[in-house]
């Protein structure tokens, strides 16, 4: 199944919906005591998801009216995650182009929740604070149940679903500080979506194609099989030292082709539109404004 947080133009509060092709079915229209958001649904466990599946199947069979997704506005595909973790330098090409090491211990940092935003939204940043704002296509992994000391062979069983992430980064700040959280956590610097796809629809997270299209130009084009450490290894590694709460979003790293490393360099400019696509999940578009 595919889920999204959607709202009618003019509404401020998103509603959880299942996406059926190019239309959406709001869960609170077909289910009493429907989950208010994805975190509620995840916290409800397998029983909650089964209940939603049954309600949606019945609604489809009965021909219940759906709403064109094009008429709706997206919020972040994940809302209220207990934490957002990111993995740095997880593709050899990207590590090399930024002159970072990927062969030693895994690079892990947190993204602040204020950075989350949705497909089709506009991300802004102050031009007097940073001028080297970069894109990073990443596979997002949503954990489905609390995970502690998980063996790598069992790690994918802990995944609830997958989404698309654009890990927008202020490179001039990144390389002037000893940590990476602030440079990646401006308001709107972590677009996610357009949907979360349940794990059963992604047989192998290491067999997905990622692209980044900036104003009509393809700048990243790679497969998740190029990860230095795959999804299962990442989950297992993180769970060794602390429990990963259900609903946690893990952004798994970006392939080569970042704007910072290009000659000439390519950065996100005022008025730019960047679209990150992952096959089997969807395309995440962000509009850019410098203020």
Protein backbone atom coordinates (compact mmCIF):
# COMPACT_ATOMS: atom_id res chain seq x y z
CA UNK A 1 0.00 0.00 0.00
CA UNK A 2 0.94 3.63 -0.44
CA UNK A 3 0.20 6.26 2.20
CA UNK A 4 0.44 10.04 2.17
CA UNK A 5 -0.47 13.00 4.36
CA UNK A 6 -2.72 15.12 2.15
CA UNK A 7 -4.94 18.15 2.55
CA UNK A 8 -7.37 20.16 0.48
CA UNK A 9 -6.06 23.53 -0.65
CA UNK A 10 -6.61 26.02 2.16
CA UNK A 11 -6.64 23.41 4.94
CA UNK A 12 -3.79 23.45 7.45
CA UNK A 13 -4.17 19.98 8.95
CA UNK A 14 -3.19 17.01 6.75
CA UNK A 15 -5.15 13.77 6.78
CA UNK A 16 -3.77 10.28 6.28
CA UNK A 17 -4.79 8.78 2.95
CA UNK A 18 -4.02 5.74 0.90
CA UNK A 19 -2.93 6.52 -2.64
CA UNK A 20 -4.53 4.42 -5.37
CA UNK A 21 -2.86 5.27 -8.65
CA UNK A 22 -3.51 8.95 -9.24
CA UNK A 23 -6.31 9.23 -6.68
CA UNK A 24 -6.46 9.23 -2.89
CA UNK A 25 -8.86 7.77 -0.34
CA UNK A 26 -8.88 9.48 3.05
CA UNK A 27 -8.89 6.89 5.82
CA UNK A 28 -11.20 8.90 8.08
CA UNK A 29 -13.84 8.72 5.34
CA UNK A 30 -13.94 4.91 5.39
CA UNK A 31 -12.85 3.92 8.89
CA UNK A 32 -14.13 4.80 12.34
CA UNK A 33 -11.35 5.86 14.71
CA UNK A 34 -8.97 6.06 11.77
CA UNK A 35 -5.27 6.70 12.48
CA UNK A 36 -4.65 10.44 12.38
CA UNK A 37 -1.24 10.04 10.76
CA UNK A 38 1.36 7.48 9.74
CA UNK A 39 2.86 7.36 13.23
CA UNK A 40 -0.52 6.36 14.67
CA UNK A 41 -0.80 3.64 12.05
CA UNK A 42 2.70 2.31 12.76
CA UNK A 43 2.13 2.39 16.53
CA UNK A 44 -0.99 0.28 16.01
CA UNK A 45 1.11 -2.59 14.72
CA UNK A 46 0.10 -5.29 12.25
CA UNK A 47 -3.50 -5.31 13.46
CA UNK A 48 -3.95 -1.63 12.60
CA UNK A 49 -2.54 -2.08 9.12
CA UNK A 50 -4.73 -5.14 8.51
CA UNK A 51 -7.77 -3.12 9.61
CA UNK A 52 -6.88 -0.35 7.18
CA UNK A 53 -6.32 -2.80 4.32
CA UNK A 54 -9.73 -4.36 4.92
CA UNK A 55 -11.48 -0.98 5.03
CA UNK A 56 -9.77 0.21 1.85
CA UNK A 57 -10.52 -3.04 0.00
CA UNK A 58 -14.18 -2.75 0.99
CA UNK A 59 -14.32 0.90 -0.09
CA UNK A 60 -12.80 0.10 -3.47
CA UNK A 61 -15.22 -2.81 -3.99
CA UNK A 62 -18.15 -0.55 -3.13
CA UNK A 63 -16.93 2.10 -5.53
CA UNK A 64 -16.40 4.78 -2.88
CA UNK A 65 -15.45 8.15 -4.32
CA UNK A 66 -11.77 9.08 -4.36
CA UNK A 67 -10.05 12.43 -4.84
CA UNK A 68 -7.48 13.18 -7.58
CA UNK A 69 -4.09 13.55 -5.91
CA UNK A 70 -3.36 16.47 -8.25
CA UNK A 71 -6.10 18.44 -6.47
CA UNK A 72 -4.50 17.96 -3.05
CA UNK A 73 -1.47 19.31 -1.18
CA UNK A 74 1.19 17.06 0.33
CA UNK A 75 2.67 17.33 3.78
CA UNK A 76 5.77 15.36 4.77
CA UNK A 77 5.27 11.66 4.09
CA UNK A 78 6.31 11.06 7.71
CA UNK A 79 4.88 13.15 10.56
CA UNK A 80 5.88 13.02 14.23
CA UNK A 81 8.73 10.51 13.78
CA UNK A 82 10.42 9.84 17.14
CA UNK A 83 13.72 10.58 15.44
CA UNK A 84 15.25 11.15 12.03
CA UNK A 85 18.66 9.55 11.49
CA UNK A 86 20.91 9.98 8.49
CA UNK A 87 23.87 8.04 7.16
CA UNK A 88 26.71 9.98 5.58
CA UNK A 89 29.22 8.92 2.92
CA UNK A 90 27.30 5.70 2.20
CA UNK A 91 28.03 5.58 -1.53
CA UNK A 92 31.69 5.32 -2.53
CA UNK A 93 31.30 7.80 -5.40
CA UNK A 94 29.72 10.45 -3.16
CA UNK A 95 32.30 9.91 -0.40
CA UNK A 96 35.10 10.27 -2.92
CA UNK A 97 33.74 13.44 -4.53
CA UNK A 98 33.41 15.11 -1.11
CA UNK A 99 36.81 13.73 -0.02
CA UNK A 100 35.24 11.78 2.85
CA UNK A 101 36.12 8.31 4.11
CA UNK A 102 33.47 5.59 3.83
CA UNK A 103 35.51 2.50 4.67
CA UNK A 104 35.78 3.15 8.43
CA UNK A 105 32.95 3.37 10.97
CA UNK A 106 29.52 4.41 9.73
CA UNK A 107 28.89 8.18 9.76
CA UNK A 108 25.62 8.89 11.60
CA UNK A 109 23.90 12.17 12.41
CA UNK A 110 20.44 13.47 13.28
CA UNK A 111 18.13 15.65 11.24
CA UNK A 112 15.90 18.06 13.15
CA UNK A 113 12.13 17.49 12.74
CA UNK A 114 11.51 21.10 11.63
CA UNK A 115 13.36 20.20 8.41
CA UNK A 116 10.61 17.81 7.27
CA UNK A 117 8.38 18.99 4.44
CA UNK A 118 6.30 17.50 1.67
CA UNK A 119 6.24 16.90 -2.05
CA UNK A 120 5.51 20.00 -4.10
CA UNK A 121 6.35 22.40 -1.28
CA UNK A 122 8.71 25.38 -1.43
CA UNK A 123 11.88 25.37 0.65
CA UNK A 124 13.46 28.73 1.49
CA UNK A 125 16.76 29.80 2.99
CA UNK A 126 18.48 33.13 3.69
CA UNK A 127 20.96 34.06 0.99
CA UNK A 128 23.16 35.93 3.47
CA UNK A 129 23.65 32.75 5.52
CA UNK A 130 24.47 30.18 2.84
CA UNK A 131 25.10 30.21 -0.90
CA UNK A 132 26.15 26.59 -1.54
CA UNK A 133 22.88 24.69 -1.10
CA UNK A 134 23.05 21.19 -2.56
CA UNK A 135 20.66 18.30 -3.33
CA UNK A 136 21.06 14.67 -2.23
CA UNK A 137 18.78 11.85 -3.44
CA UNK A 138 18.29 9.28 -0.69
CA UNK A 139 16.20 6.21 0.11
CA UNK A 140 14.23 6.73 3.31
CA UNK A 141 13.53 3.73 5.56
CA UNK A 142 10.74 3.78 8.18
CA UNK A 143 11.13 1.39 11.11
CA UNK A 144 7.99 -0.55 12.02
CA UNK A 145 8.68 -1.82 15.53
CA UNK A 146 11.15 -1.03 18.34
CA UNK A 147 14.45 -2.58 17.33
CA UNK A 148 17.33 -3.45 19.67
CA UNK A 149 20.27 -5.75 18.93
CA UNK A 150 18.78 -6.88 15.62
CA UNK A 151 20.81 -9.35 13.59
CA UNK A 152 21.44 -8.27 10.02
CA UNK A 153 19.57 -11.31 8.65
CA UNK A 154 16.41 -10.17 10.49
CA UNK A 155 16.77 -6.43 9.97
CA UNK A 156 14.51 -6.02 6.94
CA UNK A 157 11.66 -7.57 8.96
CA UNK A 158 11.79 -4.40 11.09
CA UNK A 159 11.07 -2.12 8.13
CA UNK A 160 7.53 -0.73 7.87
CA UNK A 161 8.01 1.10 4.61
CA UNK A 162 10.12 3.23 2.30
CA UNK A 163 9.98 6.78 0.99
CA UNK A 164 12.00 9.27 -1.05
CA UNK A 165 14.19 11.82 0.73
CA UNK A 166 16.02 14.87 -0.59
CA UNK A 167 18.71 15.58 2.00
CA UNK A 168 19.24 19.26 1.15
CA UNK A 169 22.57 20.50 2.49
CA UNK A 170 24.22 23.88 2.99
CA UNK A 171 27.74 22.85 1.99
CA UNK A 172 29.40 26.09 3.08
CA UNK A 173 28.09 25.48 6.61
CA UNK A 174 28.76 21.72 6.48
CA UNK A 175 32.47 22.16 5.86
CA UNK A 176 32.86 24.97 8.39
CA UNK A 177 31.54 22.99 11.38
CA UNK A 178 32.44 19.71 13.08
CA UNK A 179 28.89 18.30 12.90
CA UNK A 180 26.43 17.88 10.04
CA UNK A 181 23.03 18.35 11.68
CA UNK A 182 22.64 22.13 11.40
CA UNK A 183 23.66 22.37 7.75
CA UNK A 184 20.97 19.83 6.83
CA UNK A 185 18.22 20.93 9.21
CA UNK A 186 17.07 24.33 7.99
CA UNK A 187 13.28 24.55 7.80
CA UNK A 188 12.22 22.45 4.81
CA UNK A 189 15.65 20.92 4.15
CA UNK A 190 14.33 17.33 4.42
CA UNK A 191 11.53 16.89 1.91
CA UNK A 192 10.00 13.39 2.01
CA UNK A 193 7.41 11.68 -0.15
CA UNK A 194 5.29 11.81 -2.12
CA UNK A 195 4.24 8.58 -0.39
CA UNK A 196 5.41 5.91 1.99
CA UNK A 197 5.27 2.49 0.35
CA UNK A 198 4.79 -0.48 2.66
CA UNK A 199 7.73 -2.86 2.81
CA UNK A 200 5.87 -5.72 1.12
CA UNK A 201 5.89 -3.73 -2.14
CA UNK A 202 9.70 -3.38 -2.15
CA UNK A 203 11.16 -6.92 -2.36
CA UNK A 204 14.77 -5.71 -2.34
CA UNK A 205 15.74 -2.21 -1.12
CA UNK A 206 19.17 -2.73 -2.72
CA UNK A 207 17.62 -2.92 -6.18
CA UNK A 208 16.10 0.54 -6.61
CA UNK A 209 17.11 3.28 -9.06
CA UNK A 210 17.55 6.87 -7.89
CA UNK A 211 17.72 10.01 -10.01
CA UNK A 212 17.91 13.74 -9.33
CA UNK A 213 16.54 16.14 -11.92
CA UNK A 214 17.41 19.82 -11.43
CA UNK A 215 15.57 22.14 -13.81
CA UNK A 216 15.43 19.45 -16.49
CA UNK A 217 18.99 18.18 -16.06
CA UNK A 218 19.72 14.71 -14.62
CA UNK A 219 22.52 15.14 -12.07
CA UNK A 220 22.30 11.92 -10.04
CA UNK A 221 21.60 8.54 -11.60
CA UNK A 222 22.47 5.42 -9.59
CA UNK A 223 21.24 2.23 -7.93
CA UNK A 224 20.87 1.52 -4.23
CA UNK A 225 23.04 -1.55 -4.83
CA UNK A 226 25.95 0.90 -4.81
CA UNK A 227 25.52 1.59 -1.09
CA UNK A 228 28.64 0.89 0.97
CA UNK A 229 26.36 -0.47 3.69
CA UNK A 230 22.92 -1.76 2.78
CA UNK A 231 19.65 -1.15 4.60
CA UNK A 232 19.87 -4.36 6.67
CA UNK A 233 23.42 -3.57 7.83
CA UNK A 234 22.46 0.00 8.73
CA UNK A 235 19.53 -1.13 10.90
CA UNK A 236 21.57 -3.82 12.60
CA UNK A 237 24.44 -1.42 13.30
CA UNK A 238 22.22 1.31 14.74
CA UNK A 239 20.34 -1.16 16.94
CA UNK A 240 23.50 -2.40 18.66
CA UNK A 241 23.88 0.67 20.85
CA UNK A 242 20.31 1.90 21.31
CA UNK A 243 16.73 0.90 20.61
CA UNK A 244 15.43 2.33 17.34
CA UNK A 245 11.84 3.45 18.07
CA UNK A 246 8.98 2.51 15.77
CA UNK A 247 8.38 5.27 13.23
CA UNK A 248 12.02 6.31 13.03
CA UNK A 249 13.01 7.61 9.60
CA UNK A 250 16.49 6.63 8.42
CA UNK A 251 17.91 8.45 5.41
CA UNK A 252 20.42 6.03 3.94
CA UNK A 253 22.88 8.22 2.04
CA UNK A 254 23.27 9.74 -1.40
CA UNK A 255 25.03 8.54 -4.56
CA UNK A 256 27.59 10.47 -6.59
CA UNK A 257 26.72 13.52 -8.63
CA UNK A 258 26.33 16.13 -5.90
CA UNK A 259 26.50 19.72 -7.10
CA UNK A 260 29.37 20.62 -4.77
CA UNK A 261 31.76 18.26 -6.55
CA UNK A 262 30.91 19.28 -10.11
CA UNK A 263 33.10 21.47 -12.29
CA UNK A 264 31.64 24.00 -12.47
CA UNK A 265 29.76 23.54 -9.22
CA UNK A 266 25.95 23.33 -9.36
CA UNK A 267 23.87 24.61 -6.45
CA UNK A 268 20.17 25.15 -5.85
CA UNK A 269 19.26 28.69 -6.86
CA UNK A 270 16.29 30.97 -6.33
CA UNK A 271 13.44 29.65 -8.48
CA UNK A 272 14.99 26.21 -9.03
CA UNK A 273 12.92 23.03 -9.07
CA UNK A 274 14.53 19.73 -8.05
CA UNK A 275 12.87 16.32 -8.38
CA UNK A 276 14.23 13.16 -6.75
CA UNK A 277 12.79 9.90 -8.07
CA UNK A 278 13.13 6.36 -6.74
CA UNK A 279 11.69 3.60 -8.89
CA UNK A 280 8.83 1.80 -7.18
CA UNK A 281 8.16 4.68 -4.77
CA UNK A 282 7.68 7.91 -6.68
CA UNK A 283 8.96 11.39 -7.50
CA UNK A 284 9.54 14.07 -4.86
CA UNK A 285 9.58 17.66 -6.14
CA UNK A 286 10.87 20.70 -4.22
CA UNK A 287 10.71 24.33 -5.30
CA UNK A 288 13.50 26.60 -4.07
CA UNK A 289 13.45 30.23 -2.96
CA UNK A 290 16.30 32.33 -1.59
CA UNK A 291 15.10 35.03 0.79
